[in-house]
Amino acid sequence: MVPLWIRAGGRAWRRHHHCYPEARVLAARPLSGSRRQKSTFDVAVVGAGIVGLALARELSLLHPSLIFGVLEKEKELAYLSSFLWQLIVAAEQEEVPRLKALYERGLQNNVRGLKLISSKEIQEREPYCRGLMALDSPYTGIVNYRQVAFAYAEDFQAAGGTVLTDFEVEGMEMAKESPAGSKEGMKYPIVVRNSKGKEVRCRHLVSCAGLFSDRLSRISGCSLEPRIVPFRGDYLVLKPEKCYLVKGNIYPVPDPRFPFLGIHFTPRMDGSVWLGPNAVLAFKREGYRFFDFSVQDFIDATAYSGLWKLVLRNFSYGIGEMYRACFLSAQVKQLQKFIPEVTVNDVLRGPAGVRAQALDKDGNLIDDFVFDGGTGDIGSRILHVRNAPSPAATSSLAIAKMIASEVEQRFEL
């Protein structure tokens, strides 16, 4: 979990989080309620990630007289991420000024209990960790965001909302006539079809589609920019008998020269400890395994000039990440900067996530929210949340309020 003082910071500090926003969807408990599913909505939200569910919940509480729906392409709802205190550790002298700058930002944002600690104090909290100085955030914690996502969905349904799973949006158009048997005429003029030919209708639509947000924008006739380029993050895990080496979250000091944070130590709700992630280009938007490959996704990424500009600008960093992805010893060497006792024999290859990184045509990583719609009948009725940057999960309720405000203004709810 990333504390507020980093979330509120500038460009370099908003690019990272130990959870990739589009993590793998897992089988989950069914949502409560057996009400008849609706097929017409005042507002439909595409995407049942944590941001989409938080937004749907917020809108349904703000406007109880309206009908809301969530359309999710997966068969199950779940957002996988479960992320004690947190130390941000300066392992090298050149990192100390950046660490102190983070501390000052934290004070400006009234972060509770934040303080700089010495090398000796680091070991009092983390006996196996080594560093010159650290930023101690004692009220940072870990949360099971999968459970949070379910809670949002349950609140949404309790308020009368409908969640339609296994509904992958494949097309949308303006209706030419009222639906059969309707007494409300063209109240719901947008027809949204899924890949199986089923359809729902709505007055307005909000896209929180993450990895597929640019493609959904194209389907709706809106702008292709910014593009989504998927980056896979591979984690290692400590063997159970070695988990005593880590007690809380241990993070490196962010380096503004590079687009991603770097590896860190993350205790999980189940007692395991994740190490990582790295950041390598994924050749499939939902490519959670090393050899996953999609021709369409590969062509979309490599044909985009913005990606090549990013690669050339960060060539040595990218090569290093690829090398560490292939060789376990290289990743462990990075871990040893903070915990020297960790060896190759102490770790196993773990899970992976895919980050939906928004990228502009100049090769710049978009690290703030991008809201856009379009022109014409459909475009004016759609809001695309093109980039919900990290930490989307930790700030999901606040983000939902911000998006809801944008929805109210655009659609005059």
Protein backbone atom coordinates (compact mmCIF):
# COMPACT_ATOMS: atom_id res chain seq x y z
CA MET A 1 0.00 0.00 0.00
CA VAL A 2 1.49 3.36 -1.00
CA PRO A 3 1.00 6.13 1.55
CA LEU A 4 -0.76 9.39 0.76
CA TRP A 5 2.36 11.52 0.67
CA ILE A 6 3.66 9.59 -2.32
CA ARG A 7 0.25 9.51 -4.01
CA ALA A 8 0.01 13.29 -3.78
CA GLY A 9 3.40 13.87 -5.32
CA GLY A 10 4.66 14.77 -8.76
CA ARG A 11 5.32 12.77 -11.87
CA ALA A 12 8.15 10.51 -10.73
CA TRP A 13 6.40 9.46 -7.55
CA ARG A 14 3.02 8.59 -9.06
CA ARG A 15 4.29 5.98 -11.46
CA HIS A 16 4.68 3.12 -9.10
CA HIS A 17 2.85 0.74 -6.91
CA HIS A 18 3.54 -2.82 -5.91
CA CYS A 19 0.23 -3.94 -7.39
CA TYR A 20 -0.33 -3.98 -11.12
CA PRO A 21 -3.78 -2.57 -11.76
CA GLU A 22 -4.97 -5.25 -14.13
CA ALA A 23 -4.12 -8.38 -12.13
CA ARG A 24 -5.47 -11.80 -13.01
CA VAL A 25 -9.14 -12.42 -12.30
CA LEU A 26 -9.67 -15.46 -10.08
CA ALA A 27 -12.70 -17.55 -9.24
CA ALA A 28 -14.67 -15.80 -6.55
CA ARG A 29 -17.75 -16.17 -4.43
CA PRO A 30 -20.99 -15.26 -6.22
CA LEU A 31 -22.48 -11.88 -5.53
CA SER A 32 -25.40 -11.79 -3.17
CA GLY A 33 -28.92 -11.28 -4.42
CA SER A 34 -31.06 -13.03 -7.00
CA ARG A 35 -32.91 -10.09 -8.51
CA ARG A 36 -33.79 -10.23 -12.18
CA GLN A 37 -31.00 -8.76 -14.24
CA LYS A 38 -31.84 -5.55 -16.06
CA SER A 39 -30.88 -4.75 -19.64
CA THR A 40 -31.52 -0.99 -19.69
CA PHE A 41 -29.54 1.52 -17.63
CA ASP A 42 -29.29 5.22 -17.13
CA VAL A 43 -25.52 4.75 -16.86
CA ALA A 44 -23.54 1.63 -17.70
CA VAL A 45 -19.98 1.22 -16.42
CA VAL A 46 -17.71 -1.01 -18.49
CA GLY A 47 -15.13 -2.80 -16.38
CA ALA A 48 -15.52 -4.39 -12.96
CA GLY A 49 -12.04 -3.65 -11.69
CA ILE A 50 -11.74 -1.88 -8.38
CA VAL A 51 -12.13 1.56 -9.97
CA GLY A 52 -15.18 0.58 -12.00
CA LEU A 53 -16.87 -1.01 -9.00
CA ALA A 54 -16.03 1.93 -6.73
CA LEU A 55 -17.45 4.33 -9.31
CA ALA A 56 -20.65 2.30 -9.76
CA ARG A 57 -21.08 2.20 -5.99
CA GLU A 58 -20.57 5.97 -5.69
CA LEU A 59 -23.02 6.80 -8.48
CA SER A 60 -25.69 4.49 -7.11
CA LEU A 61 -25.44 6.13 -3.68
CA LEU A 62 -25.52 9.65 -5.12
CA HIS A 63 -28.46 9.00 -7.46
CA PRO A 64 -30.73 6.31 -5.98
CA SER A 65 -33.51 7.10 -8.47
CA LEU A 66 -31.36 6.16 -11.48
CA ILE A 67 -30.58 2.70 -12.83
CA PHE A 68 -26.92 1.66 -13.03
CA GLY A 69 -25.19 -1.38 -14.46
CA VAL A 70 -21.66 -2.78 -14.61
CA LEU A 71 -20.52 -4.80 -17.62
CA GLU A 72 -17.57 -7.16 -17.04
CA LYS A 73 -15.97 -9.39 -19.66
CA GLU A 74 -14.76 -12.02 -17.18
CA LYS A 75 -17.05 -14.67 -15.76
CA GLU A 76 -16.16 -13.86 -12.17
CA LEU A 77 -15.57 -10.71 -10.21
CA ALA A 78 -12.33 -10.34 -8.33
CA TYR A 79 -9.47 -7.95 -8.15
CA LEU A 80 -6.38 -9.79 -7.00
CA SER A 81 -4.09 -7.75 -4.81
CA SER A 82 -3.40 -8.01 -1.12
CA PHE A 83 -0.92 -5.79 -0.14
CA LEU A 84 2.53 -3.51 8.58
CA TRP A 85 4.48 -0.57 8.43
CA GLN A 86 6.51 0.63 5.52
CA LEU A 87 10.17 1.58 5.27
CA ILE A 88 11.54 3.38 2.24
CA VAL A 89 15.23 2.65 2.44
CA ALA A 90 18.14 4.58 1.00
CA ALA A 91 20.80 1.96 0.32
CA GLU A 92 23.23 4.37 -1.35
CA GLN A 93 24.37 7.90 -0.50
CA GLU A 94 22.95 9.42 -3.70
CA GLU A 95 19.46 8.31 -2.64
CA VAL A 96 19.48 10.25 0.64
CA PRO A 97 18.49 13.66 -0.84
CA ARG A 98 15.54 12.08 -2.67
CA LEU A 99 14.50 10.33 0.53
CA LYS A 100 14.55 13.64 2.41
CA ALA A 101 12.45 15.21 -0.36
CA LEU A 102 9.83 12.49 0.13
CA TYR A 103 9.87 13.21 3.85
CA GLU A 104 9.22 16.90 3.25
CA ARG A 105 6.35 16.05 0.91
CA GLY A 106 4.90 13.81 3.58
CA LEU A 107 5.00 16.58 6.15
CA GLN A 108 3.25 18.92 3.73
CA ASN A 109 0.49 16.33 3.35
CA ASN A 110 0.12 15.83 7.13
CA VAL A 111 1.06 12.16 7.07
CA ARG A 112 0.66 10.71 10.53
CA GLY A 113 3.78 9.49 12.34
CA LEU A 114 6.17 9.93 9.43
CA LYS A 115 9.86 10.24 10.35
CA LEU A 116 13.38 9.71 9.08
CA ILE A 117 15.31 6.99 10.89
CA SER A 118 18.95 5.98 11.07
CA SER A 119 20.68 2.79 10.02
CA LYS A 120 20.48 1.49 13.59
CA GLU A 121 16.76 2.25 13.81
CA ILE A 122 16.19 0.42 10.52
CA GLN A 123 17.52 -2.75 12.08
CA GLU A 124 15.35 -2.28 15.16
CA ARG A 125 12.31 -2.55 12.86
CA GLU A 126 13.76 -4.87 10.22
CA PRO A 127 16.64 -6.87 11.75
CA TYR A 128 17.88 -8.18 8.41
CA CYS A 129 17.55 -4.97 6.42
CA ARG A 130 20.56 -2.74 5.71
CA GLY A 131 20.42 0.91 4.70
CA LEU A 132 21.94 4.34 5.34
CA MET A 133 18.65 6.00 6.20
CA ALA A 134 14.97 5.22 5.86
CA LEU A 135 11.61 6.88 5.88
CA ASP A 136 9.35 5.19 8.41
CA SER A 137 5.61 5.30 7.70
CA PRO A 138 4.18 3.41 10.70
CA TYR A 139 0.53 3.74 9.68
CA THR A 140 0.90 2.24 6.23
CA GLY A 141 -0.80 -1.14 6.11
CA ILE A 142 -1.70 -4.07 3.93
CA VAL A 143 -5.18 -4.70 2.57
CA ASN A 144 -6.89 -7.53 0.74
CA TYR A 145 -8.23 -5.62 -2.26
CA ARG A 146 -10.06 -8.62 -3.56
CA GLN A 147 -12.33 -8.40 -0.53
CA VAL A 148 -12.59 -4.64 -0.98
CA ALA A 149 -13.76 -5.12 -4.56
CA PHE A 150 -16.43 -7.57 -3.44
CA ALA A 151 -17.60 -5.14 -0.77
CA TYR A 152 -17.99 -2.42 -3.41
CA ALA A 153 -19.96 -4.80 -5.63
CA GLU A 154 -22.22 -5.85 -2.78
CA ASP A 155 -22.92 -2.22 -1.81
CA PHE A 156 -23.70 -1.47 -5.44
CA GLN A 157 -26.15 -4.34 -5.73
CA ALA A 158 -27.77 -3.47 -2.41
CA ALA A 159 -28.44 -0.01 -3.85
CA GLY A 160 -30.23 -1.59 -6.82
CA GLY A 161 -27.36 -1.89 -9.28
CA THR A 162 -26.86 -4.75 -11.72
CA VAL A 163 -23.58 -6.53 -12.49
CA LEU A 164 -23.43 -8.45 -15.76
CA THR A 165 -20.43 -10.77 -16.00
CA ASP A 166 -19.24 -12.64 -19.09
CA PHE A 167 -20.18 -9.55 -21.08
CA GLU A 168 -17.25 -8.56 -23.28
CA VAL A 169 -18.15 -5.36 -25.11
CA GLU A 170 -17.55 -5.78 -28.83
CA GLY A 171 -19.62 -3.01 -30.36
CA MET A 172 -21.85 -0.05 -29.69
CA GLU A 173 -24.11 2.11 -31.78
CA MET A 174 -27.03 4.48 -31.57
CA ALA A 175 -30.38 2.70 -31.63
CA LYS A 176 -32.55 3.25 -34.69
CA GLU A 177 -35.79 2.39 -32.91
CA SER A 178 -37.19 1.80 -29.46
CA PRO A 179 -36.72 -1.65 -27.93
CA ALA A 180 -39.61 -4.06 -28.43
CA GLY A 181 -42.34 -3.57 -25.85
CA SER A 182 -40.85 -0.34 -24.54
CA LYS A 183 -43.13 2.46 -23.41
CA GLU A 184 -40.26 4.89 -22.92
CA GLY A 185 -39.35 5.44 -26.53
CA MET A 186 -35.68 6.23 -27.12
CA LYS A 187 -34.80 6.89 -23.48
CA TYR A 188 -31.90 4.41 -23.76
CA PRO A 189 -30.39 5.21 -27.17
CA ILE A 190 -26.97 3.50 -26.88
CA VAL A 191 -26.94 -0.17 -27.85
CA VAL A 192 -23.98 -2.08 -26.37
CA ARG A 193 -23.34 -5.55 -27.77
CA ASN A 194 -21.09 -8.25 -26.43
CA SER A 195 -19.07 -10.89 -28.25
CA LYS A 196 -21.95 -13.38 -27.97
CA GLY A 197 -24.51 -11.14 -29.61
CA LYS A 198 -26.33 -10.11 -26.46
CA GLU A 199 -27.06 -6.44 -25.92
CA VAL A 200 -27.96 -3.89 -23.30
CA ARG A 201 -29.09 -0.30 -23.73
CA CYS A 202 -28.20 2.80 -21.80
CA ARG A 203 -28.45 6.59 -21.79
CA HIS A 204 -24.78 7.10 -20.94
CA LEU A 205 -21.69 4.93 -20.68
CA VAL A 206 -18.48 5.17 -18.64
CA SER A 207 -15.49 3.07 -19.63
CA CYS A 208 -13.10 1.90 -16.91
CA ALA A 209 -11.63 -0.82 -19.11
CA GLY A 210 -7.99 -0.71 -18.05
CA LEU A 211 -5.88 -2.79 -20.42
CA PHE A 212 -8.49 -2.44 -23.13
CA SER A 213 -9.50 1.19 -22.62
CA ASP A 214 -7.96 2.38 -25.90
CA ARG A 215 -9.69 -0.36 -27.88
CA LEU A 216 -13.02 0.44 -26.31
CA SER A 217 -12.44 4.06 -27.23
CA ARG A 218 -11.87 3.01 -30.83
CA ILE A 219 -15.06 0.92 -30.81
CA SER A 220 -17.01 3.97 -29.68
CA GLY A 221 -15.48 6.19 -32.34
CA CYS A 222 -13.42 8.24 -29.87
CA SER A 223 -9.70 9.02 -29.82
CA LEU A 224 -7.05 6.29 -29.85
CA GLU A 225 -4.69 8.41 -27.77
CA PRO A 226 -3.24 7.70 -25.31
CA ARG A 227 -2.46 4.09 -26.20
CA ILE A 228 -2.19 1.28 -23.69
CA VAL A 229 1.10 -0.61 -23.64
CA PRO A 230 1.13 -3.63 -21.31
CA PHE A 231 4.05 -4.18 -18.95
CA ARG A 232 4.32 -7.46 -17.08
CA GLY A 233 5.69 -7.52 -13.56
CA ASP A 234 7.15 -10.85 -12.39
CA TYR A 235 7.39 -11.51 -8.69
CA LEU A 236 9.57 -13.83 -6.69
CA VAL A 237 8.38 -15.28 -3.38
CA LEU A 238 10.37 -16.13 -0.30
CA LYS A 239 10.28 -19.76 0.71
CA PRO A 240 8.05 -20.17 3.80
CA GLU A 241 10.98 -20.98 6.06
CA LYS A 242 12.66 -17.70 5.05
CA CYS A 243 9.73 -15.33 5.56
CA TYR A 244 11.17 -14.31 8.93
CA LEU A 245 13.63 -12.15 6.99
CA VAL A 246 10.91 -9.56 6.26
CA LYS A 247 8.49 -8.09 8.81
CA GLY A 248 6.93 -5.16 6.92
CA ASN A 249 6.96 -3.41 3.56
CA ILE A 250 10.48 -2.49 2.44
CA TYR A 251 10.73 -0.15 -0.55
CA PRO A 252 13.57 1.45 -2.47
CA VAL A 253 13.79 5.19 -3.00
CA PRO A 254 12.17 6.01 -6.38
CA ASP A 255 14.57 7.16 -9.09
CA PRO A 256 12.95 9.84 -11.30
CA ARG A 257 15.22 8.89 -14.20
CA PHE A 258 13.34 5.65 -14.70
CA PRO A 259 9.64 4.98 -15.27
CA PHE A 260 9.14 2.21 -12.70
CA LEU A 261 9.88 1.85 -9.02
CA GLY A 262 12.03 -1.27 -8.85
CA ILE A 263 11.84 -4.32 -6.65
CA HIS A 264 10.54 -4.24 -3.11
CA PHE A 265 9.53 -6.60 -0.30
CA THR A 266 5.79 -7.05 0.27
CA PRO A 267 4.28 -9.21 3.03
CA ARG A 268 0.91 -10.63 2.03
CA MET A 269 -2.28 -11.29 3.94
CA ASP A 270 -1.62 -15.05 3.86
CA GLY A 271 1.83 -14.67 5.48
CA SER A 272 3.82 -15.06 2.28
CA VAL A 273 6.34 -12.45 1.12
CA TRP A 274 6.49 -11.25 -2.48
CA LEU A 275 9.68 -9.80 -3.93
CA GLY A 276 9.57 -7.57 -6.96
CA PRO A 277 8.23 -6.87 -9.45
CA ASN A 278 10.37 -6.22 -12.46
CA ALA A 279 8.85 -4.42 -15.46
CA VAL A 280 9.11 -5.90 -18.94
CA LEU A 281 7.07 -5.38 -22.07
CA ALA A 282 4.29 -7.96 -22.25
CA PHE A 283 3.51 -9.40 -25.67
CA LYS A 284 -0.08 -10.01 -24.67
CA ARG A 285 -2.38 -7.64 -22.80
CA GLU A 286 -3.39 -10.39 -20.45
CA GLY A 287 -0.03 -12.12 -20.68
CA TYR A 288 0.65 -13.25 -17.14
CA ARG A 289 3.12 -15.96 -18.18
CA PHE A 290 6.57 -15.46 -19.68
CA PHE A 291 5.75 -16.98 -23.07
CA ASP A 292 2.21 -15.61 -23.49
CA PHE A 293 1.86 -14.04 -26.92
CA SER A 294 -0.88 -12.37 -28.94
CA VAL A 295 -0.30 -11.36 -32.54
CA GLN A 296 -2.74 -8.47 -32.33
CA ASP A 297 -1.34 -7.17 -29.04
CA PHE A 298 2.24 -7.50 -30.29
CA ILE A 299 1.50 -5.60 -33.50
CA ASP A 300 -0.45 -2.90 -31.65
CA ALA A 301 2.45 -2.31 -29.28
CA THR A 302 5.40 -2.52 -31.67
CA ALA A 303 3.72 -0.48 -34.42
CA TYR A 304 3.22 2.43 -32.04
CA SER A 305 5.88 5.10 -32.36
CA GLY A 306 5.43 6.15 -28.74
CA LEU A 307 6.70 2.77 -27.54
CA TRP A 308 9.91 3.02 -29.57
CA LYS A 309 10.59 6.50 -28.23
CA LEU A 310 10.14 5.19 -24.69
CA VAL A 311 12.42 2.21 -25.39
CA LEU A 312 15.20 4.36 -26.86
CA ARG A 313 14.98 6.80 -23.98
CA ASN A 314 15.30 4.00 -21.41
CA PHE A 315 17.26 1.43 -23.39
CA SER A 316 19.80 0.40 -20.75
CA TYR A 317 17.13 0.22 -18.07
CA GLY A 318 14.93 -1.97 -20.29
CA ILE A 319 17.78 -4.34 -21.13
CA GLY A 320 18.53 -4.67 -17.44
CA GLU A 321 14.92 -5.51 -16.65
CA MET A 322 14.83 -8.16 -19.37
CA TYR A 323 18.08 -9.67 -18.12
CA ARG A 324 16.77 -9.84 -14.56
CA ALA A 325 13.53 -11.40 -15.80
CA CYS A 326 15.52 -14.25 -17.34
CA PHE A 327 18.11 -14.84 -14.62
CA LEU A 328 17.06 -15.39 -11.03
CA SER A 329 20.50 -14.54 -9.68
CA ALA A 330 20.30 -11.05 -11.18
CA GLN A 331 17.04 -10.33 -9.36
CA VAL A 332 18.42 -11.71 -6.12
CA LYS A 333 21.44 -9.42 -6.43
CA GLN A 334 19.10 -6.44 -6.32
CA LEU A 335 17.34 -7.84 -3.26
CA GLN A 336 20.67 -8.23 -1.50
CA LYS A 337 21.14 -4.44 -1.54
CA PHE A 338 18.55 -4.36 1.22
CA ILE A 339 18.67 -7.84 2.77
CA PRO A 340 22.12 -9.38 2.18
CA GLU A 341 21.09 -12.72 3.71
CA VAL A 342 18.71 -13.51 0.81
CA THR A 343 20.15 -16.09 -1.59
CA VAL A 344 19.00 -17.76 -4.79
CA ASN A 345 18.11 -20.83 -2.75
CA ASP A 346 15.70 -18.78 -0.62
CA VAL A 347 13.34 -17.72 -3.42
CA LEU A 348 10.93 -19.21 -5.93
CA ARG A 349 9.40 -17.72 -9.03
CA GLY A 350 5.99 -16.34 -8.14
CA PRO A 351 2.95 -14.79 -9.78
CA ALA A 352 2.83 -11.94 -12.27
CA GLY A 353 0.62 -8.97 -13.01
CA VAL A 354 0.14 -6.78 -16.05
CA ARG A 355 0.11 -3.02 -15.77
CA ALA A 356 -2.02 -1.02 -18.21
CA GLN A 357 0.44 1.77 -18.94
CA ALA A 358 -0.94 4.70 -20.89
CA LEU A 359 1.61 6.12 -23.33
CA ASP A 360 1.42 9.13 -25.62
CA LYS A 361 2.83 9.40 -29.15
CA ASP A 362 5.97 11.11 -27.86
CA GLY A 363 6.85 8.17 -25.65
CA ASN A 364 5.80 9.81 -22.39
CA LEU A 365 4.23 7.70 -19.67
CA ILE A 366 0.89 9.22 -18.74
CA ASP A 367 0.91 9.38 -14.97
CA ASP A 368 -2.31 11.24 -14.29
CA PHE A 369 -5.97 10.76 -15.08
CA VAL A 370 -7.16 11.13 -18.65
CA PHE A 371 -10.87 11.68 -19.18
CA ASP A 372 -12.21 12.01 -22.67
CA GLY A 373 -15.27 11.45 -24.78
CA GLY A 374 -16.01 12.30 -28.35
CA THR A 375 -18.32 14.11 -30.66
CA GLY A 376 -21.54 13.08 -32.28
CA ASP A 377 -24.43 11.13 -30.84
CA ILE A 378 -22.41 8.34 -29.20
CA GLY A 379 -19.25 10.25 -28.33
CA SER A 380 -21.14 12.91 -26.39
CA ARG A 381 -22.77 10.22 -24.25
CA ILE A 382 -19.53 8.39 -23.32
CA LEU A 383 -16.82 9.12 -20.78
CA HIS A 384 -13.58 7.17 -21.13
CA VAL A 385 -11.38 6.88 -18.06
CA ARG A 386 -8.28 6.36 -20.15
CA ASN A 387 -5.78 6.20 -17.35
CA ALA A 388 -6.36 5.49 -13.68
CA PRO A 389 -2.74 5.53 -12.50
CA SER A 390 -1.34 3.81 -9.51
CA PRO A 391 -2.41 3.81 -6.76
CA ALA A 392 -5.86 3.16 -8.16
CA ALA A 393 -6.63 0.59 -5.48
CA THR A 394 -5.55 2.49 -2.39
CA SER A 395 -7.32 5.63 -3.57
CA SER A 396 -10.30 3.94 -5.21
CA LEU A 397 -12.98 5.66 -3.11
CA ALA A 398 -11.48 9.11 -3.67
CA ILE A 399 -10.97 8.37 -7.36
CA ALA A 400 -14.59 7.24 -7.62
CA LYS A 401 -15.78 10.56 -6.19
CA MET A 402 -13.67 12.44 -8.73
CA ILE A 403 -14.94 10.40 -11.68
CA ALA A 404 -18.52 10.62 -10.40
CA SER A 405 -18.20 14.41 -10.36
CA GLU A 406 -17.00 14.34 -13.95
CA VAL A 407 -19.92 12.06 -14.90
CA GLU A 408 -22.44 14.39 -13.26
CA GLN A 409 -21.07 17.43 -15.06
CA ARG A 410 -20.82 15.81 -18.49
CA PHE A 411 -24.12 14.00 -18.45
CA GLU A 412 -26.03 16.50 -16.29
CA LEU A 413 -27.30 13.82 -13.95
